[in-house]
Amino acid sequence: MKCYKEKMINNTIKRLEAKAEGHMLNAEIILGNHVAVADHPDMMGTLDKELTAMAEAHGQLEMLLKYFK
């Protein structure tokens, strides 16, 4: 049985990867779907928020792997 530390690290890796992928998908939808313009009048702001969230998840993942894996 794996120790709790390893389980927590592996679970966090999966969670951060999924979070980053979700925000990347949102960014792809914003960039590729012109219908979304009506739903989000501030497309640049919305895209910026998705990229910021994606970068945050990647940064957290990078730190986790660098210092704890």
PDB file of N, CA and C in Angstrom:
ATOM      1  N   MET A   1       0.837  -1.184   0.000  1.00  0.00           N
ATOM      2  CA  MET A   1       0.000   0.000   0.000  1.00  0.00           C
ATOM      3  C   MET A   1       0.886   1.253   0.000  1.00  0.00           C
ATOM      4  N   LYS A   2       0.541   2.201  -0.856  1.00  0.00           N
ATOM      5  CA  LYS A   2       1.312   3.435  -0.945  1.00  0.00           C
ATOM      6  C   LYS A   2       1.122   4.270   0.315  1.00  0.00           C
ATOM      7  N   CYS A   3       2.150   5.020   0.638  1.00  0.00           N
ATOM      8  CA  CYS A   3       2.018   5.898   1.795  1.00  0.00           C
ATOM      9  C   CYS A   3       1.111   7.079   1.434  1.00  0.00           C
ATOM     10  N   TYR A   4       0.579   7.728   2.438  1.00  0.00           N
ATOM     11  CA  TYR A   4      -0.358   8.826   2.219  1.00  0.00           C
ATOM     12  C   TYR A   4       0.283   9.987   1.476  1.00  0.00           C
ATOM     13  N   LYS A   5       1.564  10.253   1.735  1.00  0.00           N
ATOM     14  CA  LYS A   5       2.244  11.350   1.053  1.00  0.00           C
ATOM     15  C   LYS A   5       2.235  11.120  -0.459  1.00  0.00           C
ATOM     16  N   GLU A   6       2.596   9.917  -0.872  1.00  0.00           N
ATOM     17  CA  GLU A   6       2.635   9.597  -2.296  1.00  0.00           C
ATOM     18  C   GLU A   6       1.232   9.662  -2.913  1.00  0.00           C
ATOM     19  N   LYS A   7       0.242   9.173  -2.185  1.00  0.00           N
ATOM     20  CA  LYS A   7      -1.139   9.232  -2.676  1.00  0.00           C
ATOM     21  C   LYS A   7      -1.592  10.676  -2.847  1.00  0.00           C
ATOM     22  N   MET A   8      -1.274  11.516  -1.870  1.00  0.00           N
ATOM     23  CA  MET A   8      -1.668  12.923  -1.939  1.00  0.00           C
ATOM     24  C   MET A   8      -0.984  13.633  -3.104  1.00  0.00           C
ATOM     25  N   ILE A   9       0.298  13.364  -3.300  1.00  0.00           N
ATOM     26  CA  ILE A   9       1.034  13.980  -4.406  1.00  0.00           C
ATOM     27  C   ILE A   9       0.446  13.540  -5.738  1.00  0.00           C
ATOM     28  N   ASN A  10       0.231  12.238  -5.899  1.00  0.00           N
ATOM     29  CA  ASN A  10      -0.316  11.729  -7.167  1.00  0.00           C
ATOM     30  C   ASN A  10      -1.720  12.268  -7.433  1.00  0.00           C
ATOM     31  N   ASN A  11      -2.538  12.354  -6.389  1.00  0.00           N
ATOM     32  CA  ASN A  11      -3.884  12.892  -6.544  1.00  0.00           C
ATOM     33  C   ASN A  11      -3.833  14.365  -6.930  1.00  0.00           C
ATOM     34  N   THR A  12      -2.936  15.112  -6.325  1.00  0.00           N
ATOM     35  CA  THR A  12      -2.812  16.533  -6.628  1.00  0.00           C
ATOM     36  C   THR A  12      -2.318  16.742  -8.051  1.00  0.00           C
ATOM     37  N   ILE A  13      -1.389  15.912  -8.503  1.00  0.00           N
ATOM     38  CA  ILE A  13      -0.912  15.985  -9.892  1.00  0.00           C
ATOM     39  C   ILE A  13      -2.081  15.802 -10.852  1.00  0.00           C
ATOM     40  N   LYS A  14      -2.869  14.777 -10.633  1.00  0.00           N
ATOM     41  CA  LYS A  14      -4.023  14.511 -11.507  1.00  0.00           C
ATOM     42  C   LYS A  14      -5.014  15.673 -11.485  1.00  0.00           C
ATOM     43  N   ARG A  15      -5.271  16.210 -10.291  1.00  0.00           N
ATOM     44  CA  ARG A  15      -6.223  17.314 -10.157  1.00  0.00           C
ATOM     45  C   ARG A  15      -5.734  18.563 -10.886  1.00  0.00           C
ATOM     46  N   LEU A  16      -4.453  18.892 -10.748  1.00  0.00           N
ATOM     47  CA  LEU A  16      -3.910  20.080 -11.405  1.00  0.00           C
ATOM     48  C   LEU A  16      -3.856  19.908 -12.916  1.00  0.00           C
ATOM     49  N   GLU A  17      -3.520  18.706 -13.383  1.00  0.00           N
ATOM     50  CA  GLU A  17      -3.515  18.437 -14.826  1.00  0.00           C
ATOM     51  C   GLU A  17      -4.920  18.595 -15.401  1.00  0.00           C
ATOM     52  N   ALA A  18      -5.907  18.066 -14.701  1.00  0.00           N
ATOM     53  CA  ALA A  18      -7.295  18.176 -15.159  1.00  0.00           C
ATOM     54  C   ALA A  18      -7.758  19.636 -15.148  1.00  0.00           C
ATOM     55  N   LYS A  19      -7.374  20.374 -14.129  1.00  0.00           N
ATOM     56  CA  LYS A  19      -7.747  21.788 -14.034  1.00  0.00           C
ATOM     57  C   LYS A  19      -7.156  22.567 -15.211  1.00  0.00           C
ATOM     58  N   ALA A  20      -5.875  22.352 -15.496  1.00  0.00           N
ATOM     59  CA  ALA A  20      -5.221  23.044 -16.610  1.00  0.00           C
ATOM     60  C   ALA A  20      -5.866  22.669 -17.946  1.00  0.00           C
ATOM     61  N   GLU A  21      -6.165  21.396 -18.129  1.00  0.00           N
ATOM     62  CA  GLU A  21      -6.796  20.942 -19.374  1.00  0.00           C
ATOM     63  C   GLU A  21      -8.187  21.542 -19.543  1.00  0.00           C
ATOM     64  N   GLY A  22      -8.924  21.663 -18.456  1.00  0.00           N
ATOM     65  CA  GLY A  22     -10.259  22.261 -18.524  1.00  0.00           C
ATOM     66  C   GLY A  22     -10.198  23.715 -18.967  1.00  0.00           C
ATOM     67  N   HIS A  23      -9.248  24.459 -18.420  1.00  0.00           N
ATOM     68  CA  HIS A  23      -9.111  25.865 -18.811  1.00  0.00           C
ATOM     69  C   HIS A  23      -8.579  25.989 -20.238  1.00  0.00           C
ATOM     70  N   MET A  24      -7.730  25.049 -20.654  1.00  0.00           N
ATOM     71  CA  MET A  24      -7.247  25.067 -22.033  1.00  0.00           C
ATOM     72  C   MET A  24      -8.405  24.805 -22.998  1.00  0.00           C
ATOM     73  N   LEU A  25      -9.275  23.881 -22.648  1.00  0.00           N
ATOM     74  CA  LEU A  25     -10.446  23.608 -23.473  1.00  0.00           C
ATOM     75  C   LEU A  25     -11.339  24.839 -23.568  1.00  0.00           C
ATOM     76  N   ASN A  26     -11.552  25.517 -22.447  1.00  0.00           N
ATOM     77  CA  ASN A  26     -12.347  26.745 -22.465  1.00  0.00           C
ATOM     78  C   ASN A  26     -11.729  27.782 -23.392  1.00  0.00           C
ATOM     79  N   ALA A  27     -10.400  27.932 -23.338  1.00  0.00           N
ATOM     80  CA  ALA A  27      -9.711  28.895 -24.206  1.00  0.00           C
ATOM     81  C   ALA A  27      -9.874  28.503 -25.675  1.00  0.00           C
ATOM     82  N   GLU A  28      -9.765  27.220 -25.965  1.00  0.00           N
ATOM     83  CA  GLU A  28      -9.947  26.750 -27.349  1.00  0.00           C
ATOM     84  C   GLU A  28     -11.361  27.027 -27.839  1.00  0.00           C
ATOM     85  N   ILE A  29     -12.337  26.843 -26.984  1.00  0.00           N
ATOM     86  CA  ILE A  29     -13.731  27.110 -27.358  1.00  0.00           C
ATOM     87  C   ILE A  29     -13.920  28.599 -27.624  1.00  0.00           C
ATOM     88  N   ILE A  30     -13.369  29.430 -26.760  1.00  0.00           N
ATOM     89  CA  ILE A  30     -13.483  30.882 -26.940  1.00  0.00           C
ATOM     90  C   ILE A  30     -12.846  31.300 -28.261  1.00  0.00           C
ATOM     91  N   LEU A  31     -11.673  30.765 -28.558  1.00  0.00           N
ATOM     92  CA  LEU A  31     -10.954  31.146 -29.772  1.00  0.00           C
ATOM     93  C   LEU A  31     -11.591  30.582 -31.043  1.00  0.00           C
ATOM     94  N   GLY A  32     -12.268  29.462 -30.936  1.00  0.00           N
ATOM     95  CA  GLY A  32     -12.780  28.811 -32.130  1.00  0.00           C
ATOM     96  C   GLY A  32     -14.272  28.916 -32.346  1.00  0.00           C
ATOM     97  N   ASN A  33     -15.003  29.481 -31.383  1.00  0.00           N
ATOM     98  CA  ASN A  33     -16.457  29.494 -31.474  1.00  0.00           C
ATOM     99  C   ASN A  33     -16.961  30.937 -31.503  1.00  0.00           C
ATOM    100  N   HIS A  34     -17.332  31.395 -32.680  1.00  0.00           N
ATOM    101  CA  HIS A  34     -17.780  32.775 -32.822  1.00  0.00           C
ATOM    102  C   HIS A  34     -19.154  33.006 -32.198  1.00  0.00           C
ATOM    103  N   VAL A  35     -19.893  31.949 -31.941  1.00  0.00           N
ATOM    104  CA  VAL A  35     -21.190  32.077 -31.280  1.00  0.00           C
ATOM    105  C   VAL A  35     -20.988  32.518 -29.830  1.00  0.00           C
ATOM    106  N   ALA A  36     -19.851  32.138 -29.249  1.00  0.00           N
ATOM    107  CA  ALA A  36     -19.566  32.491 -27.860  1.00  0.00           C
ATOM    108  C   ALA A  36     -19.457  33.997 -27.663  1.00  0.00           C
ATOM    109  N   VAL A  37     -19.249  34.740 -28.730  1.00  0.00           N
ATOM    110  CA  VAL A  37     -19.116  36.195 -28.634  1.00  0.00           C
ATOM    111  C   VAL A  37     -20.375  36.800 -28.023  1.00  0.00           C
ATOM    112  N   ALA A  38     -21.519  36.300 -28.391  1.00  0.00           N
ATOM    113  CA  ALA A  38     -22.774  36.833 -27.848  1.00  0.00           C
ATOM    114  C   ALA A  38     -22.891  36.553 -26.347  1.00  0.00           C
ATOM    115  N   ASP A  39     -22.375  35.425 -25.912  1.00  0.00           N
ATOM    116  CA  ASP A  39     -22.437  35.060 -24.499  1.00  0.00           C
ATOM    117  C   ASP A  39     -21.397  35.793 -23.661  1.00  0.00           C
ATOM    118  N   HIS A  40     -20.279  36.151 -24.268  1.00  0.00           N
ATOM    119  CA  HIS A  40     -19.180  36.804 -23.557  1.00  0.00           C
ATOM    120  C   HIS A  40     -18.749  38.055 -24.326  1.00  0.00           C
ATOM    121  N   PRO A  41     -19.358  39.176 -24.034  1.00  0.00           N
ATOM    122  CA  PRO A  41     -19.006  40.384 -24.778  1.00  0.00           C
ATOM    123  C   PRO A  41     -17.549  40.803 -24.570  1.00  0.00           C
ATOM    124  N   ASP A  42     -16.942  40.449 -23.445  1.00  0.00           N
ATOM    125  CA  ASP A  42     -15.544  40.764 -23.186  1.00  0.00           C
ATOM    126  C   ASP A  42     -14.701  39.516 -23.448  1.00  0.00           C
ATOM    127  N   MET A  43     -14.554  39.172 -24.722  1.00  0.00           N
ATOM    128  CA  MET A  43     -13.840  37.949 -25.089  1.00  0.00           C
ATOM    129  C   MET A  43     -12.388  37.972 -24.629  1.00  0.00           C
ATOM    130  N   MET A  44     -11.719  39.111 -24.758  1.00  0.00           N
ATOM    131  CA  MET A  44     -10.317  39.199 -24.344  1.00  0.00           C
ATOM    132  C   MET A  44     -10.186  39.000 -22.833  1.00  0.00           C
ATOM    133  N   GLY A  45     -11.090  39.596 -22.078  1.00  0.00           N
ATOM    134  CA  GLY A  45     -11.067  39.435 -20.629  1.00  0.00           C
ATOM    135  C   GLY A  45     -11.326  37.999 -20.219  1.00  0.00           C
ATOM    136  N   THR A  46     -12.282  37.373 -20.887  1.00  0.00           N
ATOM    137  CA  THR A  46     -12.611  35.980 -20.594  1.00  0.00           C
ATOM    138  C   THR A  46     -11.440  35.072 -20.943  1.00  0.00           C
ATOM    139  N   LEU A  47     -10.836  35.304 -22.098  1.00  0.00           N
ATOM    140  CA  LEU A  47      -9.675  34.515 -22.514  1.00  0.00           C
ATOM    141  C   LEU A  47      -8.523  34.718 -21.531  1.00  0.00           C
ATOM    142  N   ASP A  48      -8.303  35.961 -21.106  1.00  0.00           N
ATOM    143  CA  ASP A  48      -7.246  36.260 -20.148  1.00  0.00           C
ATOM    144  C   ASP A  48      -7.457  35.499 -18.839  1.00  0.00           C
ATOM    145  N   LYS A  49      -8.694  35.438 -18.366  1.00  0.00           N
ATOM    146  CA  LYS A  49      -8.995  34.715 -17.129  1.00  0.00           C
ATOM    147  C   LYS A  49      -8.694  33.225 -17.279  1.00  0.00           C
ATOM    148  N   GLU A  50      -9.039  32.657 -18.427  1.00  0.00           N
ATOM    149  CA  GLU A  50      -8.775  31.235 -18.665  1.00  0.00           C
ATOM    150  C   GLU A  50      -7.273  30.966 -18.727  1.00  0.00           C
ATOM    151  N   LEU A  51      -6.530  31.830 -19.404  1.00  0.00           N
ATOM    152  CA  LEU A  51      -5.082  31.648 -19.503  1.00  0.00           C
ATOM    153  C   LEU A  51      -4.404  31.812 -18.144  1.00  0.00           C
ATOM    154  N   THR A  52      -4.899  32.754 -17.352  1.00  0.00           N
ATOM    155  CA  THR A  52      -4.350  32.960 -16.013  1.00  0.00           C
ATOM    156  C   THR A  52      -4.584  31.729 -15.139  1.00  0.00           C
ATOM    157  N   ALA A  53      -5.791  31.184 -15.194  1.00  0.00           N
ATOM    158  CA  ALA A  53      -6.106  29.985 -14.411  1.00  0.00           C
ATOM    159  C   ALA A  53      -5.282  28.790 -14.883  1.00  0.00           C
ATOM    160  N   MET A  54      -5.074  28.688 -16.194  1.00  0.00           N
ATOM    161  CA  MET A  54      -4.275  27.613 -16.754  1.00  0.00           C
ATOM    162  C   MET A  54      -2.821  27.742 -16.299  1.00  0.00           C
ATOM    163  N   ALA A  55      -2.275  28.949 -16.333  1.00  0.00           N
ATOM    164  CA  ALA A  55      -0.898  29.191 -15.903  1.00  0.00           C
ATOM    165  C   ALA A  55      -0.731  28.901 -14.412  1.00  0.00           C
ATOM    166  N   GLU A  56      -1.729  29.252 -13.628  1.00  0.00           N
ATOM    167  CA  GLU A  56      -1.676  28.991 -12.188  1.00  0.00           C
ATOM    168  C   GLU A  56      -1.602  27.494 -11.911  1.00  0.00           C
ATOM    169  N   ALA A  57      -2.432  26.720 -12.591  1.00  0.00           N
ATOM    170  CA  ALA A  57      -2.422  25.264 -12.409  1.00  0.00           C
ATOM    171  C   ALA A  57      -1.084  24.676 -12.846  1.00  0.00           C
ATOM    172  N   HIS A  58      -0.555  25.159 -13.977  1.00  0.00           N
ATOM    173  CA  HIS A  58       0.742  24.672 -14.448  1.00  0.00           C
ATOM    174  C   HIS A  58       1.852  25.033 -13.465  1.00  0.00           C
ATOM    175  N   GLY A  59       1.806  26.242 -12.921  1.00  0.00           N
ATOM    176  CA  GLY A  59       2.809  26.666 -11.954  1.00  0.00           C
ATOM    177  C   GLY A  59       2.776  25.829 -10.694  1.00  0.00           C
ATOM    178  N   GLN A  60       1.582  25.550 -10.207  1.00  0.00           N
ATOM    179  CA  GLN A  60       1.450  24.717  -9.013  1.00  0.00           C
ATOM    180  C   GLN A  60       1.976  23.309  -9.280  1.00  0.00           C
ATOM    181  N   LEU A  61       1.652  22.779 -10.443  1.00  0.00           N
ATOM    182  CA  LEU A  61       2.120  21.445 -10.813  1.00  0.00           C
ATOM    183  C   LEU A  61       3.648  21.427 -10.900  1.00  0.00           C
ATOM    184  N   GLU A  62       4.212  22.446 -11.502  1.00  0.00           N
ATOM    185  CA  GLU A  62       5.663  22.548 -11.630  1.00  0.00           C
ATOM    186  C   GLU A  62       6.332  22.567 -10.245  1.00  0.00           C
ATOM    187  N   MET A  63       5.798  23.350  -9.331  1.00  0.00           N
ATOM    188  CA  MET A  63       6.351  23.426  -7.974  1.00  0.00           C
ATOM    189  C   MET A  63       6.220  22.096  -7.244  1.00  0.00           C
ATOM    190  N   LEU A  64       5.081  21.453  -7.390  1.00  0.00           N
ATOM    191  CA  LEU A  64       4.860  20.161  -6.751  1.00  0.00           C
ATOM    192  C   LEU A  64       5.894  19.144  -7.236  1.00  0.00           C
ATOM    193  N   LEU A  65       6.075  19.080  -8.553  1.00  0.00           N
ATOM    194  CA  LEU A  65       7.016  18.118  -9.121  1.00  0.00           C
ATOM    195  C   LEU A  65       8.463  18.448  -8.747  1.00  0.00           C
ATOM    196  N   LYS A  66       8.787  19.716  -8.722  1.00  0.00           N
ATOM    197  CA  LYS A  66      10.159  20.137  -8.415  1.00  0.00           C
ATOM    198  C   LYS A  66      10.546  19.866  -6.969  1.00  0.00           C
ATOM    199  N   TYR A  67       9.649  20.137  -6.035  1.00  0.00           N
ATOM    200  CA  TYR A  67      10.021  20.076  -4.634  1.00  0.00           C
ATOM    201  C   TYR A  67       9.512  18.859  -3.871  1.00  0.00           C
ATOM    202  N   PHE A  68       8.529  18.149  -4.417  1.00  0.00           N
ATOM    203  CA  PHE A  68       7.933  17.070  -3.633  1.00  0.00           C
ATOM    204  C   PHE A  68       7.897  15.707  -4.335  1.00  0.00           C
ATOM    205  N   LYS A  69       8.232  15.637  -5.592  1.00  0.00           N
ATOM    206  CA  LYS A  69       8.154  14.358  -6.306  1.00  0.00           C
ATOM    207  C   LYS A  69       9.531  13.764  -6.425  1.00  0.00           C
TER     208      LYS A  69
END
